[in-house]
Amino acid sequence: MQQASPQAVVTRLHYHRHSKTLDVQFSDGQQFSLPAELLRVFSPSAEVRGHGQATLVLHKKQVAIHSIVPVGHYAVKLVFDDGHFTGLYSWGYLRELAEQQQQLWQQYLTQVKQANGSRDDQIAVRFIP
């Protein structure tokens, strides 16, 4: 993925628990809705991104965001209900995901198909606070 503009500043985040989407509004007025599954499979964590070769994340169709933790004035940490909580979503990375959402999602679906994988849960496991 290409690096997003440094002017991409998040001014509002709103998570919809029912639809499992995160609304992200930027200082330039642009607003996007990002599904929790997309955010999880494209986590910026070393666990997902690897050290050079990205890992294909499967079985996250029903994943939800459990909490959103601000990190300074430049990022958030998303805590998912499958226990994943590493990786910082910078404003620039959120903008990049938002602007490239369609292409990234199609690439992901193609990779899942080629790996003969599945987006569905293997076993229904959720962490309850």
N, C-alpha and C. Protein backbone atom coordinates (compact mmCIF):
# COMPACT_ATOMS: atom_id res chain seq x y z
N MET A 1 0.84 -1.18 0.00
CA MET A 1 0.00 0.00 0.00
C MET A 1 0.88 1.24 0.00
N GLN A 2 0.36 2.29 -0.56
CA GLN A 2 1.09 3.53 -0.60
C GLN A 2 0.87 4.31 0.69
N GLN A 3 1.80 5.17 1.02
CA GLN A 3 1.69 5.98 2.22
C GLN A 3 0.67 7.09 2.02
N ALA A 4 -0.22 7.25 3.00
CA ALA A 4 -1.26 8.28 2.91
C ALA A 4 -0.68 9.65 3.20
N SER A 5 -1.44 10.65 2.85
CA SER A 5 -1.06 12.03 3.07
C SER A 5 -0.88 12.33 4.56
N PRO A 6 0.17 13.08 4.94
CA PRO A 6 0.37 13.41 6.34
C PRO A 6 -0.72 14.35 6.88
N GLN A 7 -1.53 14.95 6.00
CA GLN A 7 -2.60 15.84 6.42
C GLN A 7 -3.84 15.07 6.89
N ALA A 8 -3.85 13.77 6.76
CA ALA A 8 -5.00 12.97 7.14
C ALA A 8 -5.12 12.94 8.67
N VAL A 9 -6.01 13.78 9.21
CA VAL A 9 -6.20 13.85 10.66
C VAL A 9 -7.62 13.42 10.97
N VAL A 10 -7.75 12.45 11.87
CA VAL A 10 -9.06 11.97 12.27
C VAL A 10 -9.68 12.95 13.26
N THR A 11 -10.93 13.33 12.99
CA THR A 11 -11.63 14.25 13.89
C THR A 11 -12.77 13.56 14.64
N ARG A 12 -13.19 12.38 14.15
CA ARG A 12 -14.29 11.67 14.81
C ARG A 12 -14.24 10.19 14.46
N LEU A 13 -14.45 9.35 15.49
CA LEU A 13 -14.60 7.91 15.30
C LEU A 13 -15.91 7.50 15.96
N HIS A 14 -16.67 6.66 15.27
CA HIS A 14 -17.92 6.16 15.84
C HIS A 14 -18.08 4.71 15.42
N TYR A 15 -18.16 3.81 16.41
CA TYR A 15 -18.31 2.38 16.12
C TYR A 15 -19.76 1.97 16.27
N HIS A 16 -20.26 1.28 15.26
CA HIS A 16 -21.63 0.76 15.27
C HIS A 16 -21.57 -0.73 15.62
N ARG A 17 -21.99 -1.07 16.82
CA ARG A 17 -21.89 -2.47 17.27
C ARG A 17 -22.75 -3.41 16.44
N HIS A 18 -23.93 -2.97 16.06
CA HIS A 18 -24.83 -3.85 15.32
C HIS A 18 -24.28 -4.21 13.92
N SER A 19 -23.84 -3.19 13.18
CA SER A 19 -23.32 -3.43 11.83
C SER A 19 -21.83 -3.75 11.81
N LYS A 20 -21.18 -3.58 12.97
CA LYS A 20 -19.74 -3.85 13.10
C LYS A 20 -18.92 -3.01 12.11
N THR A 21 -19.26 -1.72 12.05
CA THR A 21 -18.52 -0.80 11.19
C THR A 21 -18.02 0.39 12.01
N LEU A 22 -16.87 0.90 11.60
CA LEU A 22 -16.27 2.06 12.25
C LEU A 22 -16.35 3.23 11.29
N ASP A 23 -17.07 4.28 11.70
CA ASP A 23 -17.12 5.51 10.92
C ASP A 23 -15.90 6.34 11.29
N VAL A 24 -15.19 6.81 10.28
CA VAL A 24 -13.99 7.62 10.49
C VAL A 24 -14.17 8.91 9.72
N GLN A 25 -14.11 10.03 10.42
CA GLN A 25 -14.22 11.34 9.77
C GLN A 25 -12.88 12.05 9.89
N PHE A 26 -12.47 12.68 8.78
CA PHE A 26 -11.20 13.38 8.72
C PHE A 26 -11.41 14.89 8.69
N SER A 27 -10.35 15.62 9.00
CA SER A 27 -10.42 17.07 9.09
C SER A 27 -10.80 17.74 7.77
N ASP A 28 -10.62 17.06 6.65
CA ASP A 28 -11.01 17.64 5.36
C ASP A 28 -12.48 17.37 5.02
N GLY A 29 -13.22 16.78 5.98
CA GLY A 29 -14.64 16.52 5.79
C GLY A 29 -14.96 15.15 5.21
N GLN A 30 -13.96 14.45 4.73
CA GLN A 30 -14.19 13.10 4.19
C GLN A 30 -14.59 12.16 5.32
N GLN A 31 -15.57 11.30 5.05
CA GLN A 31 -16.01 10.32 6.03
C GLN A 31 -16.12 8.96 5.35
N PHE A 32 -15.69 7.93 6.06
CA PHE A 32 -15.69 6.58 5.53
C PHE A 32 -16.22 5.62 6.60
N SER A 33 -16.78 4.51 6.17
CA SER A 33 -17.19 3.43 7.06
C SER A 33 -16.33 2.22 6.76
N LEU A 34 -15.67 1.72 7.78
CA LEU A 34 -14.78 0.58 7.62
C LEU A 34 -15.30 -0.61 8.42
N PRO A 35 -15.53 -1.74 7.78
CA PRO A 35 -15.98 -2.93 8.50
C PRO A 35 -14.90 -3.44 9.46
N ALA A 36 -15.33 -3.96 10.60
CA ALA A 36 -14.39 -4.51 11.59
C ALA A 36 -13.55 -5.62 10.97
N GLU A 37 -14.16 -6.44 10.12
CA GLU A 37 -13.41 -7.53 9.49
C GLU A 37 -12.25 -6.99 8.66
N LEU A 38 -12.49 -5.95 7.88
CA LEU A 38 -11.43 -5.35 7.07
C LEU A 38 -10.32 -4.83 7.98
N LEU A 39 -10.70 -4.13 9.05
CA LEU A 39 -9.70 -3.58 9.97
C LEU A 39 -8.88 -4.70 10.62
N ARG A 40 -9.54 -5.81 10.92
CA ARG A 40 -8.84 -6.93 11.57
C ARG A 40 -7.89 -7.63 10.60
N VAL A 41 -8.34 -7.93 9.39
CA VAL A 41 -7.48 -8.66 8.46
C VAL A 41 -6.35 -7.79 7.91
N PHE A 42 -6.51 -6.48 7.97
CA PHE A 42 -5.44 -5.57 7.55
C PHE A 42 -4.82 -4.86 8.75
N SER A 43 -4.80 -5.53 9.89
CA SER A 43 -4.18 -4.97 11.08
C SER A 43 -2.73 -4.59 10.79
N PRO A 44 -2.29 -3.44 11.30
CA PRO A 44 -0.91 -3.04 11.09
C PRO A 44 0.07 -3.73 12.04
N SER A 45 -0.38 -4.72 12.78
CA SER A 45 0.48 -5.40 13.75
C SER A 45 1.54 -6.24 13.05
N ALA A 46 2.64 -6.48 13.74
CA ALA A 46 3.69 -7.35 13.22
C ALA A 46 3.17 -8.77 13.04
N GLU A 47 2.23 -9.17 13.89
CA GLU A 47 1.63 -10.51 13.81
C GLU A 47 0.97 -10.73 12.45
N VAL A 48 0.29 -9.70 11.94
CA VAL A 48 -0.42 -9.80 10.66
C VAL A 48 0.49 -9.42 9.50
N ARG A 49 1.17 -8.32 9.63
CA ARG A 49 2.02 -7.83 8.54
C ARG A 49 3.28 -8.65 8.38
N GLY A 50 3.67 -9.33 9.45
CA GLY A 50 4.89 -10.12 9.40
C GLY A 50 6.11 -9.23 9.29
N HIS A 51 7.21 -9.82 9.10
CA HIS A 51 8.44 -9.05 8.94
C HIS A 51 8.87 -9.18 7.48
N GLY A 52 8.07 -8.60 6.61
CA GLY A 52 8.33 -8.64 5.18
C GLY A 52 7.18 -9.27 4.42
N GLN A 53 6.73 -10.45 4.83
CA GLN A 53 5.65 -11.16 4.15
C GLN A 53 4.40 -11.13 5.03
N ALA A 54 3.33 -10.56 4.52
CA ALA A 54 2.08 -10.47 5.28
C ALA A 54 1.46 -11.85 5.47
N THR A 55 0.76 -12.03 6.59
CA THR A 55 0.06 -13.26 6.90
C THR A 55 -1.39 -13.14 6.46
N LEU A 56 -1.93 -14.16 5.82
CA LEU A 56 -3.33 -14.16 5.42
C LEU A 56 -4.18 -14.51 6.65
N VAL A 57 -5.01 -13.57 7.07
CA VAL A 57 -5.85 -13.76 8.25
C VAL A 57 -7.20 -14.29 7.79
N LEU A 58 -7.60 -15.43 8.36
CA LEU A 58 -8.84 -16.08 7.99
C LEU A 58 -9.80 -16.15 9.18
N HIS A 59 -11.05 -16.51 8.90
CA HIS A 59 -12.06 -16.79 9.93
C HIS A 59 -12.43 -15.56 10.76
N LYS A 60 -12.53 -14.39 10.15
CA LYS A 60 -12.82 -13.17 10.89
C LYS A 60 -14.11 -12.49 10.44
N LYS A 61 -14.98 -13.21 9.75
CA LYS A 61 -16.21 -12.62 9.21
C LYS A 61 -17.09 -12.01 10.31
N GLN A 62 -17.12 -12.61 11.48
CA GLN A 62 -17.98 -12.13 12.57
C GLN A 62 -17.24 -11.29 13.61
N VAL A 63 -15.98 -10.97 13.38
CA VAL A 63 -15.20 -10.24 14.37
C VAL A 63 -15.81 -8.86 14.63
N ALA A 64 -15.69 -8.43 15.87
CA ALA A 64 -16.19 -7.11 16.26
C ALA A 64 -15.09 -6.37 17.02
N ILE A 65 -15.25 -5.06 17.10
CA ILE A 65 -14.32 -4.24 17.87
C ILE A 65 -14.87 -4.15 19.29
N HIS A 66 -14.04 -4.53 20.23
CA HIS A 66 -14.43 -4.51 21.64
C HIS A 66 -14.21 -3.13 22.24
N SER A 67 -13.08 -2.50 21.92
CA SER A 67 -12.81 -1.16 22.42
C SER A 67 -11.82 -0.44 21.51
N ILE A 68 -11.83 0.89 21.65
CA ILE A 68 -10.94 1.77 20.88
C ILE A 68 -10.15 2.59 21.89
N VAL A 69 -8.82 2.48 21.82
CA VAL A 69 -7.95 3.15 22.78
C VAL A 69 -7.13 4.21 22.06
N PRO A 70 -7.32 5.49 22.41
CA PRO A 70 -6.52 6.55 21.78
C PRO A 70 -5.03 6.40 22.11
N VAL A 71 -4.18 6.70 21.14
CA VAL A 71 -2.74 6.69 21.33
C VAL A 71 -2.23 8.05 20.88
N GLY A 72 -1.98 8.91 21.84
CA GLY A 72 -1.55 10.27 21.50
C GLY A 72 -2.58 10.97 20.64
N HIS A 73 -2.09 11.82 19.74
CA HIS A 73 -2.97 12.54 18.81
C HIS A 73 -2.76 12.06 17.39
N TYR A 74 -2.33 10.80 17.25
CA TYR A 74 -1.97 10.33 15.92
C TYR A 74 -2.49 8.94 15.56
N ALA A 75 -3.06 8.21 16.54
CA ALA A 75 -3.45 6.82 16.26
C ALA A 75 -4.43 6.30 17.30
N VAL A 76 -4.97 5.10 17.02
CA VAL A 76 -5.77 4.37 17.99
C VAL A 76 -5.34 2.91 17.97
N LYS A 77 -5.56 2.26 19.09
CA LYS A 77 -5.38 0.81 19.17
C LYS A 77 -6.78 0.24 19.18
N LEU A 78 -7.05 -0.70 18.28
CA LEU A 78 -8.35 -1.36 18.24
C LEU A 78 -8.21 -2.71 18.93
N VAL A 79 -9.11 -2.96 19.88
CA VAL A 79 -9.14 -4.23 20.59
C VAL A 79 -10.32 -5.01 20.03
N PHE A 80 -10.03 -6.17 19.44
CA PHE A 80 -11.06 -6.98 18.80
C PHE A 80 -11.55 -8.07 19.74
N ASP A 81 -12.76 -8.53 19.53
CA ASP A 81 -13.34 -9.53 20.42
C ASP A 81 -12.76 -10.93 20.23
N ASP A 82 -11.84 -11.09 19.26
CA ASP A 82 -11.16 -12.38 19.12
C ASP A 82 -9.85 -12.39 19.91
N GLY A 83 -9.60 -11.31 20.67
CA GLY A 83 -8.40 -11.22 21.49
C GLY A 83 -7.26 -10.46 20.86
N HIS A 84 -7.36 -10.10 19.58
CA HIS A 84 -6.29 -9.36 18.90
C HIS A 84 -6.31 -7.90 19.36
N PHE A 85 -5.16 -7.39 19.77
CA PHE A 85 -5.10 -6.01 20.24
C PHE A 85 -3.80 -5.31 19.90
N THR A 86 -2.94 -5.94 19.10
CA THR A 86 -1.67 -5.30 18.77
C THR A 86 -1.78 -4.56 17.45
N GLY A 87 -0.96 -3.57 17.29
CA GLY A 87 -0.96 -2.76 16.07
C GLY A 87 -1.63 -1.42 16.31
N LEU A 88 -0.97 -0.38 15.86
CA LEU A 88 -1.52 0.97 15.99
C LEU A 88 -2.04 1.44 14.63
N TYR A 89 -3.29 1.88 14.64
CA TYR A 89 -3.93 2.39 13.44
C TYR A 89 -3.72 3.90 13.41
N SER A 90 -2.67 4.33 12.73
CA SER A 90 -2.40 5.78 12.62
C SER A 90 -3.46 6.42 11.76
N TRP A 91 -3.59 7.74 11.86
CA TRP A 91 -4.57 8.45 11.03
C TRP A 91 -4.28 8.20 9.55
N GLY A 92 -3.00 8.23 9.19
CA GLY A 92 -2.62 7.99 7.80
C GLY A 92 -2.99 6.59 7.33
N TYR A 93 -2.81 5.59 8.22
CA TYR A 93 -3.15 4.22 7.83
C TYR A 93 -4.66 4.04 7.71
N LEU A 94 -5.42 4.66 8.59
CA LEU A 94 -6.89 4.60 8.48
C LEU A 94 -7.35 5.24 7.17
N ARG A 95 -6.73 6.34 6.80
CA ARG A 95 -7.09 7.01 5.55
C ARG A 95 -6.75 6.13 4.36
N GLU A 96 -5.59 5.49 4.42
CA GLU A 96 -5.15 4.59 3.36
C GLU A 96 -6.14 3.42 3.21
N LEU A 97 -6.52 2.80 4.32
CA LEU A 97 -7.50 1.72 4.28
C LEU A 97 -8.83 2.20 3.70
N ALA A 98 -9.25 3.38 4.12
CA ALA A 98 -10.53 3.93 3.66
C ALA A 98 -10.51 4.18 2.15
N GLU A 99 -9.47 4.83 1.67
CA GLU A 99 -9.40 5.19 0.25
C GLU A 99 -9.18 3.98 -0.65
N GLN A 100 -8.56 2.94 -0.13
CA GLN A 100 -8.26 1.76 -0.95
C GLN A 100 -9.12 0.55 -0.57
N GLN A 101 -10.18 0.81 0.19
CA GLN A 101 -11.02 -0.26 0.74
C GLN A 101 -11.48 -1.27 -0.32
N GLN A 102 -12.02 -0.80 -1.43
CA GLN A 102 -12.56 -1.71 -2.45
C GLN A 102 -11.47 -2.59 -3.06
N GLN A 103 -10.36 -2.00 -3.44
CA GLN A 103 -9.28 -2.77 -4.04
C GLN A 103 -8.69 -3.76 -3.04
N LEU A 104 -8.46 -3.30 -1.82
CA LEU A 104 -7.89 -4.18 -0.79
C LEU A 104 -8.82 -5.36 -0.51
N TRP A 105 -10.13 -5.08 -0.44
CA TRP A 105 -11.08 -6.14 -0.13
C TRP A 105 -11.11 -7.18 -1.25
N GLN A 106 -11.09 -6.73 -2.50
CA GLN A 106 -11.09 -7.66 -3.62
C GLN A 106 -9.82 -8.52 -3.63
N GLN A 107 -8.68 -7.90 -3.34
CA GLN A 107 -7.43 -8.64 -3.24
C GLN A 107 -7.51 -9.69 -2.13
N TYR A 108 -8.06 -9.30 -1.00
CA TYR A 108 -8.21 -10.21 0.13
C TYR A 108 -9.08 -11.40 -0.24
N LEU A 109 -10.25 -11.14 -0.85
CA LEU A 109 -11.15 -12.23 -1.23
C LEU A 109 -10.49 -13.18 -2.22
N THR A 110 -9.70 -12.64 -3.13
CA THR A 110 -8.97 -13.46 -4.09
C THR A 110 -7.95 -14.34 -3.36
N GLN A 111 -7.23 -13.77 -2.41
CA GLN A 111 -6.23 -14.53 -1.65
C GLN A 111 -6.90 -15.64 -0.83
N VAL A 112 -8.05 -15.35 -0.23
CA VAL A 112 -8.77 -16.36 0.55
C VAL A 112 -9.17 -17.51 -0.36
N LYS A 113 -9.68 -17.18 -1.53
CA LYS A 113 -10.11 -18.22 -2.49
C LYS A 113 -8.92 -19.05 -2.95
N GLN A 114 -7.82 -18.38 -3.29
CA GLN A 114 -6.63 -19.10 -3.75
C GLN A 114 -6.06 -20.01 -2.68
N ALA A 115 -6.19 -19.62 -1.41
CA ALA A 115 -5.69 -20.43 -0.30
C ALA A 115 -6.69 -21.50 0.13
N ASN A 116 -7.84 -21.52 -0.57
CA ASN A 116 -8.92 -22.44 -0.21
C ASN A 116 -9.30 -22.24 1.26
N GLY A 117 -9.29 -20.97 1.67
CA GLY A 117 -9.60 -20.61 3.04
C GLY A 117 -11.04 -20.19 3.21
N SER A 118 -11.33 -19.70 4.39
CA SER A 118 -12.70 -19.27 4.69
C SER A 118 -12.67 -18.04 5.59
N ARG A 119 -13.66 -17.21 5.40
CA ARG A 119 -13.84 -16.05 6.28
C ARG A 119 -14.67 -16.42 7.50
N ASP A 120 -15.45 -17.51 7.41
CA ASP A 120 -16.32 -17.93 8.51
C ASP A 120 -15.51 -18.44 9.69
N ASP A 121 -16.08 -18.33 10.89
CA ASP A 121 -15.43 -18.82 12.10
C ASP A 121 -15.24 -20.33 12.04
N GLN A 122 -14.12 -20.79 12.58
CA GLN A 122 -13.91 -22.23 12.72
C GLN A 122 -14.70 -22.73 13.92
N ILE A 123 -14.58 -22.00 15.02
CA ILE A 123 -15.29 -22.28 16.26
C ILE A 123 -15.75 -20.94 16.80
N ALA A 124 -16.98 -20.88 17.28
CA ALA A 124 -17.49 -19.62 17.83
C ALA A 124 -16.89 -19.38 19.21
N VAL A 125 -15.91 -18.48 19.29
CA VAL A 125 -15.26 -18.11 20.55
C VAL A 125 -15.26 -16.60 20.65
N ARG A 126 -15.73 -16.10 21.76
CA ARG A 126 -15.73 -14.65 21.99
C ARG A 126 -15.26 -14.36 23.40
N PHE A 127 -14.52 -13.29 23.55
CA PHE A 127 -14.09 -12.83 24.87
C PHE A 127 -15.15 -11.87 25.39
N ILE A 128 -15.65 -12.14 26.57
CA ILE A 128 -16.70 -11.30 27.16
C ILE A 128 -16.10 -10.59 28.37
N PRO A 129 -16.23 -9.26 28.40
CA PRO A 129 -15.63 -8.51 29.51
C PRO A 129 -16.34 -8.77 30.83
